[in-house]
Amino acid sequence: MKTISDALLLKNTILERFEEASRTTDEDLRKKLTNIVITGGGPTGVEIAGMLSALKKNVFFHEFPSLRDLPLDIHLIDGLPTLLSR
């Protein structure tokens, strides 16, 4: 993520997925739409994962109460054995 436009696109994509998940009754689809994978364990990936975790606790479930019972899984994947190793 290099620009403000990139950040806004990410935010809008996540919100669109949550809105779609809140409208569907298909449990498998709801789980897929609320499963987030971040590739890259450098500073940007770790910061995004932390921000999403904070939003999960403080915003998402207040804005989308129908998703409260679903796990919001945030996966941070990196090719190296440790995060922030670059």
C-alpha atoms as a PDB file:
ATOM      1  CA  MET A   1       0.000   0.000   0.000  1.00  0.00           C
ATOM      2  CA  LYS A   2       1.665   3.128  -1.243  1.00  0.00           C
ATOM      3  CA  THR A   3      -0.996   5.825  -1.545  1.00  0.00           C
ATOM      4  CA  ILE A   4      -4.101   7.189   0.111  1.00  0.00           C
ATOM      5  CA  SER A   5      -6.044   5.805  -2.852  1.00  0.00           C
ATOM      6  CA  ASP A   6      -4.729   2.324  -2.007  1.00  0.00           C
ATOM      7  CA  ALA A   7      -5.861   2.714   1.608  1.00  0.00           C
ATOM      8  CA  LEU A   8      -9.314   3.936   0.581  1.00  0.00           C
ATOM      9  CA  LEU A   9      -9.710   1.052  -1.856  1.00  0.00           C
ATOM     10  CA  LEU A  10      -8.806  -1.425   0.899  1.00  0.00           C
ATOM     11  CA  LYS A  11     -11.230   0.189   3.348  1.00  0.00           C
ATOM     12  CA  ASN A  12     -14.061   0.264   0.812  1.00  0.00           C
ATOM     13  CA  THR A  13     -13.454  -3.344  -0.215  1.00  0.00           C
ATOM     14  CA  ILE A  14     -13.582  -4.548   3.393  1.00  0.00           C
ATOM     15  CA  LEU A  15     -16.757  -2.564   4.098  1.00  0.00           C
ATOM     16  CA  GLU A  16     -18.407  -3.879   0.921  1.00  0.00           C
ATOM     17  CA  ARG A  17     -17.605  -7.453   1.943  1.00  0.00           C
ATOM     18  CA  PHE A  18     -19.011  -6.897   5.423  1.00  0.00           C
ATOM     19  CA  GLU A  19     -22.155  -5.328   3.990  1.00  0.00           C
ATOM     20  CA  GLU A  20     -22.591  -8.313   1.675  1.00  0.00           C
ATOM     21  CA  ALA A  21     -21.998 -10.713   4.582  1.00  0.00           C
ATOM     22  CA  SER A  22     -24.613  -8.929   6.676  1.00  0.00           C
ATOM     23  CA  ARG A  23     -27.209  -9.304   3.883  1.00  0.00           C
ATOM     24  CA  THR A  24     -26.730 -12.983   3.052  1.00  0.00           C
ATOM     25  CA  THR A  25     -28.113 -15.951   4.957  1.00  0.00           C
ATOM     26  CA  ASP A  26     -25.540 -18.367   3.510  1.00  0.00           C
ATOM     27  CA  GLU A  27     -23.282 -19.117   6.495  1.00  0.00           C
ATOM     28  CA  ASP A  28     -20.377 -20.392   4.381  1.00  0.00           C
ATOM     29  CA  LEU A  29     -20.431 -17.238   2.272  1.00  0.00           C
ATOM     30  CA  ARG A  30     -20.603 -15.075   5.404  1.00  0.00           C
ATOM     31  CA  LYS A  31     -17.490 -16.775   6.781  1.00  0.00           C
ATOM     32  CA  LYS A  32     -15.633 -16.322   3.493  1.00  0.00           C
ATOM     33  CA  LEU A  33     -16.553 -12.651   3.293  1.00  0.00           C
ATOM     34  CA  THR A  34     -15.307 -11.966   6.830  1.00  0.00           C
ATOM     35  CA  ASN A  35     -12.031 -13.866   6.477  1.00  0.00           C
ATOM     36  CA  ILE A  36      -9.127 -11.461   5.834  1.00  0.00           C
ATOM     37  CA  VAL A  37      -5.695 -12.525   4.590  1.00  0.00           C
ATOM     38  CA  ILE A  38      -2.779 -10.087   4.603  1.00  0.00           C
ATOM     39  CA  THR A  39       0.344 -11.107   2.736  1.00  0.00           C
ATOM     40  CA  GLY A  40       3.593  -9.609   3.884  1.00  0.00           C
ATOM     41  CA  GLY A  41       4.866  -9.474   7.447  1.00  0.00           C
ATOM     42  CA  GLY A  42       6.717  -6.201   7.013  1.00  0.00           C
ATOM     43  CA  PRO A  43       5.733  -2.927   8.684  1.00  0.00           C
ATOM     44  CA  THR A  44       2.741  -2.269   6.413  1.00  0.00           C
ATOM     45  CA  GLY A  45       1.255  -5.759   6.752  1.00  0.00           C
ATOM     46  CA  VAL A  46       1.696  -5.805  10.532  1.00  0.00           C
ATOM     47  CA  GLU A  47       0.200  -2.319  10.849  1.00  0.00           C
ATOM     48  CA  ILE A  48      -2.815  -3.254   8.723  1.00  0.00           C
ATOM     49  CA  ALA A  49      -3.383  -6.430  10.765  1.00  0.00           C
ATOM     50  CA  GLY A  50      -3.235  -4.433  14.001  1.00  0.00           C
ATOM     51  CA  MET A  51      -5.573  -1.764  12.675  1.00  0.00           C
ATOM     52  CA  LEU A  52      -8.093  -4.374  11.518  1.00  0.00           C
ATOM     53  CA  SER A  53      -7.933  -6.109  14.889  1.00  0.00           C
ATOM     54  CA  ALA A  54      -8.697  -2.822  16.655  1.00  0.00           C
ATOM     55  CA  LEU A  55     -11.530  -2.071  14.226  1.00  0.00           C
ATOM     56  CA  LYS A  56     -12.897  -5.565  14.814  1.00  0.00           C
ATOM     57  CA  LYS A  57     -13.232  -4.886  18.528  1.00  0.00           C
ATOM     58  CA  ASN A  58     -14.407  -1.282  18.344  1.00  0.00           C
ATOM     59  CA  VAL A  59     -16.248  -0.715  15.069  1.00  0.00           C
ATOM     60  CA  PHE A  60     -17.177  -3.669  12.863  1.00  0.00           C
ATOM     61  CA  PHE A  61     -19.526  -5.451  15.225  1.00  0.00           C
ATOM     62  CA  HIS A  62     -21.239  -2.203  16.241  1.00  0.00           C
ATOM     63  CA  GLU A  63     -21.810  -1.313  12.586  1.00  0.00           C
ATOM     64  CA  PHE A  64     -22.703  -4.884  11.589  1.00  0.00           C
ATOM     65  CA  PRO A  65     -24.462  -6.445  14.618  1.00  0.00           C
ATOM     66  CA  SER A  66     -25.733  -9.365  12.533  1.00  0.00           C
ATOM     67  CA  LEU A  67     -22.113 -10.515  12.160  1.00  0.00           C
ATOM     68  CA  ARG A  68     -21.378 -10.499  15.876  1.00  0.00           C
ATOM     69  CA  ASP A  69     -21.522 -14.300  16.167  1.00  0.00           C
ATOM     70  CA  LEU A  70     -19.107 -14.863  13.278  1.00  0.00           C
ATOM     71  CA  PRO A  71     -15.380 -15.037  13.744  1.00  0.00           C
ATOM     72  CA  LEU A  72     -13.547 -12.252  11.968  1.00  0.00           C
ATOM     73  CA  ASP A  73     -10.347 -14.063  11.121  1.00  0.00           C
ATOM     74  CA  ILE A  74      -7.293 -11.985  10.255  1.00  0.00           C
ATOM     75  CA  HIS A  75      -4.411 -14.018   8.839  1.00  0.00           C
ATOM     76  CA  LEU A  76      -0.971 -12.448   8.413  1.00  0.00           C
ATOM     77  CA  ILE A  77       1.217 -14.508   6.087  1.00  0.00           C
ATOM     78  CA  ASP A  78       4.901 -13.990   5.352  1.00  0.00           C
ATOM     79  CA  GLY A  79       7.538 -16.100   3.623  1.00  0.00           C
ATOM     80  CA  LEU A  80      10.083 -15.527   6.382  1.00  0.00           C
ATOM     81  CA  PRO A  81       9.988 -17.261   9.773  1.00  0.00           C
ATOM     82  CA  THR A  82       9.515 -14.011  11.722  1.00  0.00           C
ATOM     83  CA  LEU A  83       7.529 -10.834  11.220  1.00  0.00           C
ATOM     84  CA  LEU A  84       9.206  -7.456  10.717  1.00  0.00           C
ATOM     85  CA  SER A  85      12.459  -9.190   9.799  1.00  0.00           C
ATOM     86  CA  ARG A  86      13.286  -6.951   6.853  1.00  0.00           C
END
